[in-house]
């Protein structure tokens, strides 16, 4: 996964999701649940890479950051609940998919 389009396409594979552009700054794409409108992925470009903010369980937050230099405390979000994934080619795709999937499930209506 390298592009915004790749990230959006993957996120849209989850049930009842949609992409949203709620800000005047079109750099920000939000991936939301249809049933509760909660965001599970914030997709944006920064420093010439696509970044994806994802929600994480507290026990995995630091683990992901320790495993990959390209997983950092979330840009513009609560760093105690969210990580940023920098799509620079250093994180295996399966791991990126896992982090996005976890965020989807953590933000889904109960």
PDB file of N, CA and C in Angstrom:
ATOM      1  N   UNK A   1       0.865  -1.175   0.000  1.00  0.00           N
ATOM      2  CA  UNK A   1       0.000   0.000   0.000  1.00  0.00           C
ATOM      3  C   UNK A   1       0.907   1.232   0.000  1.00  0.00           C
ATOM      4  N   UNK A   2       0.709   2.071  -1.020  1.00  0.00           N
ATOM      5  CA  UNK A   2       1.573   3.240  -1.137  1.00  0.00           C
ATOM      6  C   UNK A   2       0.817   4.543  -1.373  1.00  0.00           C
ATOM      7  N   UNK A   3      -0.369   4.443  -1.953  1.00  0.00           N
ATOM      8  CA  UNK A   3      -1.070   5.669  -2.358  1.00  0.00           C
ATOM      9  C   UNK A   3      -2.336   5.889  -1.538  1.00  0.00           C
ATOM     10  N   UNK A   4      -2.839   7.106  -1.626  1.00  0.00           N
ATOM     11  CA  UNK A   4      -4.124   7.443  -0.995  1.00  0.00           C
ATOM     12  C   UNK A   4      -5.215   6.545  -1.574  1.00  0.00           C
ATOM     13  N   UNK A   5      -5.190   6.353  -2.896  1.00  0.00           N
ATOM     14  CA  UNK A   5      -6.193   5.518  -3.553  1.00  0.00           C
ATOM     15  C   UNK A   5      -6.143   4.083  -3.012  1.00  0.00           C
ATOM     16  N   UNK A   6      -4.948   3.539  -2.817  1.00  0.00           N
ATOM     17  CA  UNK A   6      -4.800   2.190  -2.239  1.00  0.00           C
ATOM     18  C   UNK A   6      -5.445   2.129  -0.856  1.00  0.00           C
ATOM     19  N   UNK A   7      -5.164   3.136  -0.038  1.00  0.00           N
ATOM     20  CA  UNK A   7      -5.687   3.161   1.337  1.00  0.00           C
ATOM     21  C   UNK A   7      -7.209   3.270   1.340  1.00  0.00           C
ATOM     22  N   UNK A   8      -7.755   4.155   0.517  1.00  0.00           N
ATOM     23  CA  UNK A   8      -9.205   4.326   0.437  1.00  0.00           C
ATOM     24  C   UNK A   8      -9.865   3.041  -0.053  1.00  0.00           C
ATOM     25  N   UNK A   9      -9.309   2.450  -1.085  1.00  0.00           N
ATOM     26  CA  UNK A   9      -9.870   1.207  -1.637  1.00  0.00           C
ATOM     27  C   UNK A   9      -9.902   0.097  -0.596  1.00  0.00           C
ATOM     28  N   UNK A  10      -8.828  -0.030   0.174  1.00  0.00           N
ATOM     29  CA  UNK A  10      -8.813  -1.055   1.211  1.00  0.00           C
ATOM     30  C   UNK A  10      -9.876  -0.764   2.268  1.00  0.00           C
ATOM     31  N   UNK A  11      -9.975   0.470   2.710  1.00  0.00           N
ATOM     32  CA  UNK A  11     -10.950   0.831   3.742  1.00  0.00           C
ATOM     33  C   UNK A  11     -12.386   0.602   3.278  1.00  0.00           C
ATOM     34  N   UNK A  12     -12.651   0.806   2.004  1.00  0.00           N
ATOM     35  CA  UNK A  12     -14.005   0.635   1.487  1.00  0.00           C
ATOM     36  C   UNK A  12     -14.416  -0.843   1.379  1.00  0.00           C
ATOM     37  N   UNK A  13     -13.474  -1.744   1.579  1.00  0.00           N
ATOM     38  CA  UNK A  13     -13.803  -3.177   1.569  1.00  0.00           C
ATOM     39  C   UNK A  13     -14.550  -3.596   2.831  1.00  0.00           C
ATOM     40  N   UNK A  14     -14.456  -2.795   3.884  1.00  0.00           N
ATOM     41  CA  UNK A  14     -15.170  -3.099   5.112  1.00  0.00           C
ATOM     42  C   UNK A  14     -16.652  -2.773   4.928  1.00  0.00           C
ATOM     43  N   UNK A  15     -17.505  -3.491   5.644  1.00  0.00           N
ATOM     44  CA  UNK A  15     -18.950  -3.290   5.550  1.00  0.00           C
ATOM     45  C   UNK A  15     -19.362  -1.893   6.002  1.00  0.00           C
ATOM     46  N   UNK A  16     -20.315  -1.311   5.279  1.00  0.00           N
ATOM     47  CA  UNK A  16     -20.965  -0.057   5.669  1.00  0.00           C
ATOM     48  C   UNK A  16     -19.982   1.073   5.973  1.00  0.00           C
ATOM     49  N   UNK A  17     -19.088   1.334   5.028  1.00  0.00           N
ATOM     50  CA  UNK A  17     -18.129   2.421   5.200  1.00  0.00           C
ATOM     51  C   UNK A  17     -18.259   3.416   4.039  1.00  0.00           C
ATOM     52  N   UNK A  18     -17.742   4.597   4.262  1.00  0.00           N
ATOM     53  CA  UNK A  18     -17.718   5.595   3.194  1.00  0.00           C
ATOM     54  C   UNK A  18     -16.570   6.556   3.420  1.00  0.00           C
ATOM     55  N   UNK A  19     -16.163   7.233   2.345  1.00  0.00           N
ATOM     56  CA  UNK A  19     -15.112   8.239   2.462  1.00  0.00           C
ATOM     57  C   UNK A  19     -15.757   9.611   2.591  1.00  0.00           C
ATOM     58  N   UNK A  20     -15.089  10.483   3.335  1.00  0.00           N
ATOM     59  CA  UNK A  20     -15.640  11.797   3.636  1.00  0.00           C
ATOM     60  C   UNK A  20     -14.524  12.835   3.522  1.00  0.00           C
ATOM     61  N   UNK A  21     -14.897  14.040   3.099  1.00  0.00           N
ATOM     62  CA  UNK A  21     -13.965  15.167   2.987  1.00  0.00           C
ATOM     63  C   UNK A  21     -14.597  16.362   3.704  1.00  0.00           C
ATOM     64  N   UNK A  22     -14.608  16.348   5.041  1.00  0.00           N
ATOM     65  CA  UNK A  22     -15.361  17.355   5.785  1.00  0.00           C
ATOM     66  C   UNK A  22     -14.643  18.697   5.989  1.00  0.00           C
ATOM     67  N   UNK A  23     -13.386  18.783   5.611  1.00  0.00           N
ATOM     68  CA  UNK A  23     -12.619  19.997   5.881  1.00  0.00           C
ATOM     69  C   UNK A  23     -12.394  20.785   4.598  1.00  0.00           C
ATOM     70  N   UNK A  24     -12.093  22.035   4.736  1.00  0.00           N
ATOM     71  CA  UNK A  24     -11.767  22.858   3.571  1.00  0.00           C
ATOM     72  C   UNK A  24     -10.465  22.381   2.929  1.00  0.00           C
ATOM     73  N   UNK A  25      -9.612  21.780   3.737  1.00  0.00           N
ATOM     74  CA  UNK A  25      -8.344  21.238   3.259  1.00  0.00           C
ATOM     75  C   UNK A  25      -8.612  19.857   2.666  1.00  0.00           C
ATOM     76  N   UNK A  26      -8.580  19.736   1.351  1.00  0.00           N
ATOM     77  CA  UNK A  26      -8.900  18.477   0.659  1.00  0.00           C
ATOM     78  C   UNK A  26      -7.800  17.426   0.832  1.00  0.00           C
ATOM     79  N   UNK A  27      -6.729  17.759   1.558  1.00  0.00           N
ATOM     80  CA  UNK A  27      -5.684  16.784   1.842  1.00  0.00           C
ATOM     81  C   UNK A  27      -6.193  15.680   2.774  1.00  0.00           C
ATOM     82  N   UNK A  28      -7.233  15.966   3.529  1.00  0.00           N
ATOM     83  CA  UNK A  28      -7.733  15.022   4.534  1.00  0.00           C
ATOM     84  C   UNK A  28      -8.908  14.200   4.015  1.00  0.00           C
ATOM     85  N   UNK A  29      -8.707  12.878   3.957  1.00  0.00           N
ATOM     86  CA  UNK A  29      -9.778  11.942   3.633  1.00  0.00           C
ATOM     87  C   UNK A  29     -10.095  11.175   4.907  1.00  0.00           C
ATOM     88  N   UNK A  30     -11.351  11.166   5.306  1.00  0.00           N
ATOM     89  CA  UNK A  30     -11.767  10.407   6.496  1.00  0.00           C
ATOM     90  C   UNK A  30     -12.579   9.212   6.050  1.00  0.00           C
ATOM     91  N   UNK A  31     -12.272   8.058   6.621  1.00  0.00           N
ATOM     92  CA  UNK A  31     -13.022   6.839   6.335  1.00  0.00           C
ATOM     93  C   UNK A  31     -13.916   6.589   7.540  1.00  0.00           C
ATOM     94  N   UNK A  32     -15.224   6.500   7.286  1.00  0.00           N
ATOM     95  CA  UNK A  32     -16.202   6.443   8.366  1.00  0.00           C
ATOM     96  C   UNK A  32     -17.116   5.222   8.262  1.00  0.00           C
ATOM     97  N   UNK A  33     -17.727   4.909   9.403  1.00  0.00           N
ATOM     98  CA  UNK A  33     -18.792   3.908   9.477  1.00  0.00           C
ATOM     99  C   UNK A  33     -20.107   4.596   9.120  1.00  0.00           C
ATOM    100  N   UNK A  34     -20.926   3.951   8.300  1.00  0.00           N
ATOM    101  CA  UNK A  34     -22.228   4.535   7.952  1.00  0.00           C
ATOM    102  C   UNK A  34     -23.174   4.573   9.145  1.00  0.00           C
ATOM    103  N   UNK A  35     -23.131   3.560  10.012  1.00  0.00           N
ATOM    104  CA  UNK A  35     -24.123   3.474  11.082  1.00  0.00           C
ATOM    105  C   UNK A  35     -23.883   4.460  12.235  1.00  0.00           C
ATOM    106  N   UNK A  36     -22.642   4.879  12.468  1.00  0.00           N
ATOM    107  CA  UNK A  36     -22.401   5.802  13.581  1.00  0.00           C
ATOM    108  C   UNK A  36     -21.549   7.022  13.185  1.00  0.00           C
ATOM    109  N   UNK A  37     -21.126   7.075  11.940  1.00  0.00           N
ATOM    110  CA  UNK A  37     -20.300   8.169  11.403  1.00  0.00           C
ATOM    111  C   UNK A  37     -18.931   8.311  12.057  1.00  0.00           C
ATOM    112  N   UNK A  38     -18.537   7.359  12.889  1.00  0.00           N
ATOM    113  CA  UNK A  38     -17.216   7.438  13.520  1.00  0.00           C
ATOM    114  C   UNK A  38     -16.122   7.186  12.480  1.00  0.00           C
ATOM    115  N   UNK A  39     -15.022   7.885  12.656  1.00  0.00           N
ATOM    116  CA  UNK A  39     -13.879   7.753  11.760  1.00  0.00           C
ATOM    117  C   UNK A  39     -13.003   6.595  12.238  1.00  0.00           C
ATOM    118  N   UNK A  40     -12.588   5.742  11.297  1.00  0.00           N
ATOM    119  CA  UNK A  40     -11.645   4.681  11.655  1.00  0.00           C
ATOM    120  C   UNK A  40     -10.301   4.853  10.957  1.00  0.00           C
ATOM    121  N   UNK A  41     -10.225   5.732   9.959  1.00  0.00           N
ATOM    122  CA  UNK A  41      -8.946   6.021   9.305  1.00  0.00           C
ATOM    123  C   UNK A  41      -8.946   7.458   8.795  1.00  0.00           C
ATOM    124  N   UNK A  42      -7.884   8.165   9.118  1.00  0.00           N
ATOM    125  CA  UNK A  42      -7.657   9.529   8.636  1.00  0.00           C
ATOM    126  C   UNK A  42      -6.506   9.416   7.650  1.00  0.00           C
ATOM    127  N   UNK A  43      -6.732   9.737   6.389  1.00  0.00           N
ATOM    128  CA  UNK A  43      -5.719   9.569   5.351  1.00  0.00           C
ATOM    129  C   UNK A  43      -5.302  10.951   4.858  1.00  0.00           C
ATOM    130  N   UNK A  44      -3.994  11.201   4.821  1.00  0.00           N
ATOM    131  CA  UNK A  44      -3.500  12.517   4.417  1.00  0.00           C
ATOM    132  C   UNK A  44      -2.064  12.408   3.933  1.00  0.00           C
ATOM    133  N   UNK A  45      -1.606  13.431   3.235  1.00  0.00           N
ATOM    134  CA  UNK A  45      -0.220  13.479   2.794  1.00  0.00           C
ATOM    135  C   UNK A  45       0.552  14.446   3.665  1.00  0.00           C
ATOM    136  N   UNK A  46       1.751  13.999   4.069  1.00  0.00           N
ATOM    137  CA  UNK A  46       2.634  14.827   4.899  1.00  0.00           C
ATOM    138  C   UNK A  46       4.063  14.392   4.608  1.00  0.00           C
ATOM    139  N   UNK A  47       4.949  15.326   4.430  1.00  0.00           N
ATOM    140  CA  UNK A  47       6.364  15.030   4.182  1.00  0.00           C
ATOM    141  C   UNK A  47       6.567  14.063   3.017  1.00  0.00           C
ATOM    142  N   UNK A  48       5.784  14.254   1.960  1.00  0.00           N
ATOM    143  CA  UNK A  48       5.897  13.495   0.717  1.00  0.00           C
ATOM    144  C   UNK A  48       5.514  12.014   0.837  1.00  0.00           C
ATOM    145  N   UNK A  49       4.784  11.665   1.896  1.00  0.00           N
ATOM    146  CA  UNK A  49       4.272  10.301   2.064  1.00  0.00           C
ATOM    147  C   UNK A  49       2.795  10.382   2.441  1.00  0.00           C
ATOM    148  N   UNK A  50       2.079   9.302   2.153  1.00  0.00           N
ATOM    149  CA  UNK A  50       0.711   9.176   2.643  1.00  0.00           C
ATOM    150  C   UNK A  50       0.792   8.637   4.064  1.00  0.00           C
ATOM    151  N   UNK A  51       0.019   9.232   4.950  1.00  0.00           N
ATOM    152  CA  UNK A  51      -0.082   8.814   6.352  1.00  0.00           C
ATOM    153  C   UNK A  51      -1.515   8.357   6.593  1.00  0.00           C
ATOM    154  N   UNK A  52      -1.670   7.389   7.495  1.00  0.00           N
ATOM    155  CA  UNK A  52      -2.996   6.934   7.904  1.00  0.00           C
ATOM    156  C   UNK A  52      -3.036   6.913   9.426  1.00  0.00           C
ATOM    157  N   UNK A  53      -3.941   7.679  10.005  1.00  0.00           N
ATOM    158  CA  UNK A  53      -4.149   7.619  11.453  1.00  0.00           C
ATOM    159  C   UNK A  53      -5.161   6.518  11.746  1.00  0.00           C
ATOM    160  N   UNK A  54      -4.815   5.644  12.694  1.00  0.00           N
ATOM    161  CA  UNK A  54      -5.694   4.538  13.073  1.00  0.00           C
ATOM    162  C   UNK A  54      -5.787   4.446  14.586  1.00  0.00           C
ATOM    163  N   UNK A  55      -6.946   4.033  15.056  1.00  0.00           N
ATOM    164  CA  UNK A  55      -7.152   3.832  16.489  1.00  0.00           C
ATOM    165  C   UNK A  55      -6.541   2.481  16.883  1.00  0.00           C
ATOM    166  N   UNK A  56      -5.954   2.424  18.076  1.00  0.00           N
ATOM    167  CA  UNK A  56      -5.307   1.194  18.545  1.00  0.00           C
ATOM    168  C   UNK A  56      -5.720   0.882  19.974  1.00  0.00           C
ATOM    169  N   UNK A  57      -5.710  -0.394  20.288  1.00  0.00           N
ATOM    170  CA  UNK A  57      -5.895  -0.793  21.683  1.00  0.00           C
ATOM    171  C   UNK A  57      -4.672  -0.325  22.454  1.00  0.00           C
ATOM    172  N   UNK A  58      -4.874   0.080  23.692  1.00  0.00           N
ATOM    173  CA  UNK A  58      -3.765   0.649  24.459  1.00  0.00           C
ATOM    174  C   UNK A  58      -2.575  -0.306  24.567  1.00  0.00           C
ATOM    175  N   UNK A  59      -2.816  -1.596  24.669  1.00  0.00           N
ATOM    176  CA  UNK A  59      -1.727  -2.560  24.786  1.00  0.00           C
ATOM    177  C   UNK A  59      -0.901  -2.704  23.519  1.00  0.00           C
ATOM    178  N   UNK A  60      -1.473  -2.348  22.376  1.00  0.00           N
ATOM    179  CA  UNK A  60      -0.762  -2.480  21.101  1.00  0.00           C
ATOM    180  C   UNK A  60      -0.161  -1.173  20.605  1.00  0.00           C
ATOM    181  N   UNK A  61      -0.589  -0.082  21.180  1.00  0.00           N
ATOM    182  CA  UNK A  61      -0.156   1.242  20.736  1.00  0.00           C
ATOM    183  C   UNK A  61       1.369   1.349  20.682  1.00  0.00           C
ATOM    184  N   UNK A  62       2.006   1.100  21.805  1.00  0.00           N
ATOM    185  CA  UNK A  62       3.458   1.207  21.880  1.00  0.00           C
ATOM    186  C   UNK A  62       4.162   0.056  21.174  1.00  0.00           C
ATOM    187  N   UNK A  63       3.537  -1.112  21.149  1.00  0.00           N
ATOM    188  CA  UNK A  63       4.136  -2.249  20.463  1.00  0.00           C
ATOM    189  C   UNK A  63       4.347  -1.940  18.983  1.00  0.00           C
ATOM    190  N   UNK A  64       3.324  -1.399  18.317  1.00  0.00           N
ATOM    191  CA  UNK A  64       3.455  -1.035  16.902  1.00  0.00           C
ATOM    192  C   UNK A  64       4.553   0.015  16.725  1.00  0.00           C
ATOM    193  N   UNK A  65       4.608   0.978  17.637  1.00  0.00           N
ATOM    194  CA  UNK A  65       5.620   2.043  17.541  1.00  0.00           C
ATOM    195  C   UNK A  65       7.029   1.484  17.711  1.00  0.00           C
ATOM    196  N   UNK A  66       7.166   0.479  18.566  1.00  0.00           N
ATOM    197  CA  UNK A  66       8.481  -0.129  18.779  1.00  0.00           C
ATOM    198  C   UNK A  66       8.889  -1.025  17.611  1.00  0.00           C
ATOM    199  N   UNK A  67       7.927  -1.672  17.000  1.00  0.00           N
ATOM    200  CA  UNK A  67       8.215  -2.590  15.896  1.00  0.00           C
ATOM    201  C   UNK A  67       8.623  -1.863  14.616  1.00  0.00           C
ATOM    202  N   UNK A  68       8.006  -0.698  14.365  1.00  0.00           N
ATOM    203  CA  UNK A  68       8.232   0.003  13.106  1.00  0.00           C
ATOM    204  C   UNK A  68       8.486   1.491  13.345  1.00  0.00           C
ATOM    205  N   UNK A  69       9.584   1.976  12.812  1.00  0.00           N
ATOM    206  CA  UNK A  69       9.904   3.402  12.937  1.00  0.00           C
ATOM    207  C   UNK A  69       8.870   4.274  12.226  1.00  0.00           C
ATOM    208  N   UNK A  70       8.149   3.694  11.273  1.00  0.00           N
ATOM    209  CA  UNK A  70       7.141   4.440  10.508  1.00  0.00           C
ATOM    210  C   UNK A  70       5.749   4.366  11.124  1.00  0.00           C
ATOM    211  N   UNK A  71       5.655   3.870  12.356  1.00  0.00           N
ATOM    212  CA  UNK A  71       4.417   3.977  13.141  1.00  0.00           C
ATOM    213  C   UNK A  71       4.756   4.896  14.303  1.00  0.00           C
ATOM    214  N   UNK A  72       4.077   6.030  14.324  1.00  0.00           N
ATOM    215  CA  UNK A  72       4.402   7.083  15.293  1.00  0.00           C
ATOM    216  C   UNK A  72       3.131   7.546  15.990  1.00  0.00           C
ATOM    217  N   UNK A  73       3.274   8.265  17.115  1.00  0.00           N
ATOM    218  CA  UNK A  73       2.075   8.837  17.752  1.00  0.00           C
ATOM    219  C   UNK A  73       1.296   9.666  16.731  1.00  0.00           C
ATOM    220  N   UNK A  74       0.006   9.559  16.768  1.00  0.00           N
ATOM    221  CA  UNK A  74      -0.853  10.138  15.727  1.00  0.00           C
ATOM    222  C   UNK A  74      -0.678  11.631  15.553  1.00  0.00           C
ATOM    223  N   UNK A  75      -0.603  12.019  14.300  1.00  0.00           N
ATOM    224  CA  UNK A  75      -0.548  13.426  13.928  1.00  0.00           C
ATOM    225  C   UNK A  75      -1.940  14.025  14.080  1.00  0.00           C
ATOM    226  N   UNK A  76      -2.070  15.058  14.894  1.00  0.00           N
ATOM    227  CA  UNK A  76      -3.318  15.807  15.110  1.00  0.00           C
ATOM    228  C   UNK A  76      -4.403  15.069  15.891  1.00  0.00           C
ATOM    229  N   UNK A  77      -4.094  13.927  16.486  1.00  0.00           N
ATOM    230  CA  UNK A  77      -5.094  13.188  17.258  1.00  0.00           C
ATOM    231  C   UNK A  77      -4.522  12.816  18.620  1.00  0.00           C
ATOM    232  N   UNK A  78      -5.368  12.257  19.469  1.00  0.00           N
ATOM    233  CA  UNK A  78      -4.966  11.836  20.800  1.00  0.00           C
ATOM    234  C   UNK A  78      -3.923  10.725  20.696  1.00  0.00           C
ATOM    235  N   UNK A  79      -2.732  10.998  21.175  1.00  0.00           N
ATOM    236  CA  UNK A  79      -1.622  10.055  21.063  1.00  0.00           C
ATOM    237  C   UNK A  79      -1.737   8.855  21.994  1.00  0.00           C
ATOM    238  N   UNK A  80      -2.706   8.888  22.913  1.00  0.00           N
ATOM    239  CA  UNK A  80      -2.949   7.754  23.815  1.00  0.00           C
ATOM    240  C   UNK A  80      -3.884   6.719  23.199  1.00  0.00           C
ATOM    241  N   UNK A  81      -4.480   7.031  22.053  1.00  0.00           N
ATOM    242  CA  UNK A  81      -5.443   6.116  21.429  1.00  0.00           C
ATOM    243  C   UNK A  81      -5.202   5.895  19.935  1.00  0.00           C
ATOM    244  N   UNK A  82      -4.407   6.756  19.318  1.00  0.00           N
ATOM    245  CA  UNK A  82      -4.237   6.723  17.871  1.00  0.00           C
ATOM    246  C   UNK A  82      -2.760   6.708  17.478  1.00  0.00           C
ATOM    247  N   UNK A  83      -2.452   5.982  16.400  1.00  0.00           N
ATOM    248  CA  UNK A  83      -1.123   5.973  15.784  1.00  0.00           C
ATOM    249  C   UNK A  83      -1.231   6.476  14.356  1.00  0.00           C
ATOM    250  N   UNK A  84      -0.130   6.997  13.847  1.00  0.00           N
ATOM    251  CA  UNK A  84      -0.004   7.312  12.424  1.00  0.00           C
ATOM    252  C   UNK A  84       0.872   6.253  11.778  1.00  0.00           C
ATOM    253  N   UNK A  85       0.400   5.746  10.644  1.00  0.00           N
ATOM    254  CA  UNK A  85       1.184   4.823   9.827  1.00  0.00           C
ATOM    255  C   UNK A  85       1.708   5.635   8.647  1.00  0.00           C
ATOM    256  N   UNK A  86       3.013   5.671   8.474  1.00  0.00           N
ATOM    257  CA  UNK A  86       3.613   6.390   7.351  1.00  0.00           C
ATOM    258  C   UNK A  86       3.881   5.363   6.243  1.00  0.00           C
ATOM    259  N   UNK A  87       3.245   5.554   5.104  1.00  0.00           N
ATOM    260  CA  UNK A  87       3.379   4.602   4.003  1.00  0.00           C
ATOM    261  C   UNK A  87       4.657   4.884   3.211  1.00  0.00           C
ATOM    262  N   UNK A  88       5.776   4.467   3.783  1.00  0.00           N
ATOM    263  CA  UNK A  88       7.076   4.687   3.149  1.00  0.00           C
ATOM    264  C   UNK A  88       7.713   3.395   2.636  1.00  0.00           C
ATOM    265  N   UNK A  89       6.944   2.306   2.656  1.00  0.00           N
ATOM    266  CA  UNK A  89       7.438   1.040   2.143  1.00  0.00           C
ATOM    267  C   UNK A  89       8.168   0.170   3.147  1.00  0.00           C
ATOM    268  N   UNK A  90       8.263   0.613   4.409  1.00  0.00           N
ATOM    269  CA  UNK A  90       9.022  -0.149   5.405  1.00  0.00           C
ATOM    270  C   UNK A  90       8.160  -1.076   6.256  1.00  0.00           C
ATOM    271  N   UNK A  91       6.844  -0.962   6.152  1.00  0.00           N
ATOM    272  CA  UNK A  91       5.936  -1.790   6.953  1.00  0.00           C
ATOM    273  C   UNK A  91       5.280  -2.810   6.018  1.00  0.00           C
ATOM    274  N   UNK A  92       5.327  -4.096   6.353  1.00  0.00           N
ATOM    275  CA  UNK A  92       4.650  -5.087   5.509  1.00  0.00           C
ATOM    276  C   UNK A  92       3.166  -4.770   5.366  1.00  0.00           C
ATOM    277  N   UNK A  93       2.643  -4.978   4.165  1.00  0.00           N
ATOM    278  CA  UNK A  93       1.239  -4.653   3.899  1.00  0.00           C
ATOM    279  C   UNK A  93       0.289  -5.364   4.852  1.00  0.00           C
ATOM    280  N   UNK A  94       0.585  -6.622   5.189  1.00  0.00           N
ATOM    281  CA  UNK A  94      -0.293  -7.369   6.091  1.00  0.00           C
ATOM    282  C   UNK A  94      -0.425  -6.654   7.441  1.00  0.00           C
ATOM    283  N   UNK A  95       0.648  -6.025   7.888  1.00  0.00           N
ATOM    284  CA  UNK A  95       0.632  -5.300   9.161  1.00  0.00           C
ATOM    285  C   UNK A  95      -0.207  -4.022   9.047  1.00  0.00           C
ATOM    286  N   UNK A  96      -0.085  -3.342   7.920  1.00  0.00           N
ATOM    287  CA  UNK A  96      -0.902  -2.144   7.687  1.00  0.00           C
ATOM    288  C   UNK A  96      -2.380  -2.538   7.667  1.00  0.00           C
ATOM    289  N   UNK A  97      -2.701  -3.611   6.957  1.00  0.00           N
ATOM    290  CA  UNK A  97      -4.085  -4.097   6.893  1.00  0.00           C
ATOM    291  C   UNK A  97      -4.601  -4.434   8.290  1.00  0.00           C
ATOM    292  N   UNK A  98      -3.760  -5.051   9.102  1.00  0.00           N
ATOM    293  CA  UNK A  98      -4.150  -5.435  10.468  1.00  0.00           C
ATOM    294  C   UNK A  98      -4.462  -4.190  11.303  1.00  0.00           C
ATOM    295  N   UNK A  99      -3.611  -3.175  11.224  1.00  0.00           N
ATOM    296  CA  UNK A  99      -3.838  -1.960  12.012  1.00  0.00           C
ATOM    297  C   UNK A  99      -5.124  -1.250  11.580  1.00  0.00           C
ATOM    298  N   UNK A 100      -5.373  -1.184  10.275  1.00  0.00           N
ATOM    299  CA  UNK A 100      -6.600  -0.544   9.790  1.00  0.00           C
ATOM    300  C   UNK A 100      -7.817  -1.364  10.216  1.00  0.00           C
ATOM    301  N   UNK A 101      -7.731  -2.673  10.100  1.00  0.00           N
ATOM    302  CA  UNK A 101      -8.833  -3.553  10.503  1.00  0.00           C
ATOM    303  C   UNK A 101      -9.140  -3.408  11.986  1.00  0.00           C
ATOM    304  N   UNK A 102      -8.102  -3.363  12.806  1.00  0.00           N
ATOM    305  CA  UNK A 102      -8.304  -3.176  14.245  1.00  0.00           C
ATOM    306  C   UNK A 102      -9.016  -1.858  14.525  1.00  0.00           C
ATOM    307  N   UNK A 103      -8.595  -0.801  13.826  1.00  0.00           N
ATOM    308  CA  UNK A 103      -9.222   0.505  14.024  1.00  0.00           C
ATOM    309  C   UNK A 103     -10.693   0.459  13.612  1.00  0.00           C
ATOM    310  N   UNK A 104     -10.980  -0.211  12.524  1.00  0.00           N
ATOM    311  CA  UNK A 104     -12.365  -0.361  12.062  1.00  0.00           C
ATOM    312  C   UNK A 104     -13.215  -1.013  13.154  1.00  0.00           C
ATOM    313  N   UNK A 105     -12.707  -2.091  13.719  1.00  0.00           N
ATOM    314  CA  UNK A 105     -13.471  -2.826  14.736  1.00  0.00           C
ATOM    315  C   UNK A 105     -13.583  -2.068  16.063  1.00  0.00           C
ATOM    316  N   UNK A 106     -12.553  -1.291  16.406  1.00  0.00           N
ATOM    317  CA  UNK A 106     -12.601  -0.512  17.652  1.00  0.00           C
ATOM    318  C   UNK A 106     -13.601   0.646  17.573  1.00  0.00           C
ATOM    319  N   UNK A 107     -13.874   1.137  16.390  1.00  0.00           N
ATOM    320  CA  UNK A 107     -14.748   2.301  16.236  1.00  0.00           C
ATOM    321  C   UNK A 107     -16.152   1.925  15.770  1.00  0.00           C
ATOM    322  N   UNK A 108     -16.361   0.671  15.486  1.00  0.00           N
ATOM    323  CA  UNK A 108     -17.669   0.197  15.001  1.00  0.00           C
ATOM    324  C   UNK A 108     -18.708   0.263  16.111  1.00  0.00           C
ATOM    325  N   UNK A 109     -19.953   0.541  15.725  1.00  0.00           N
ATOM    326  CA  UNK A 109     -21.046   0.574  16.705  1.00  0.00           C
ATOM    327  C   UNK A 109     -21.193  -0.783  17.371  1.00  0.00           C
ATOM    328  N   UNK A 110     -21.455  -0.767  18.655  1.00  0.00           N
ATOM    329  CA  UNK A 110     -21.560  -2.010  19.410  1.00  0.00           C
ATOM    330  C   UNK A 110     -22.990  -2.514  19.427  1.00  0.00           C
TER     331      UNK A 110
END
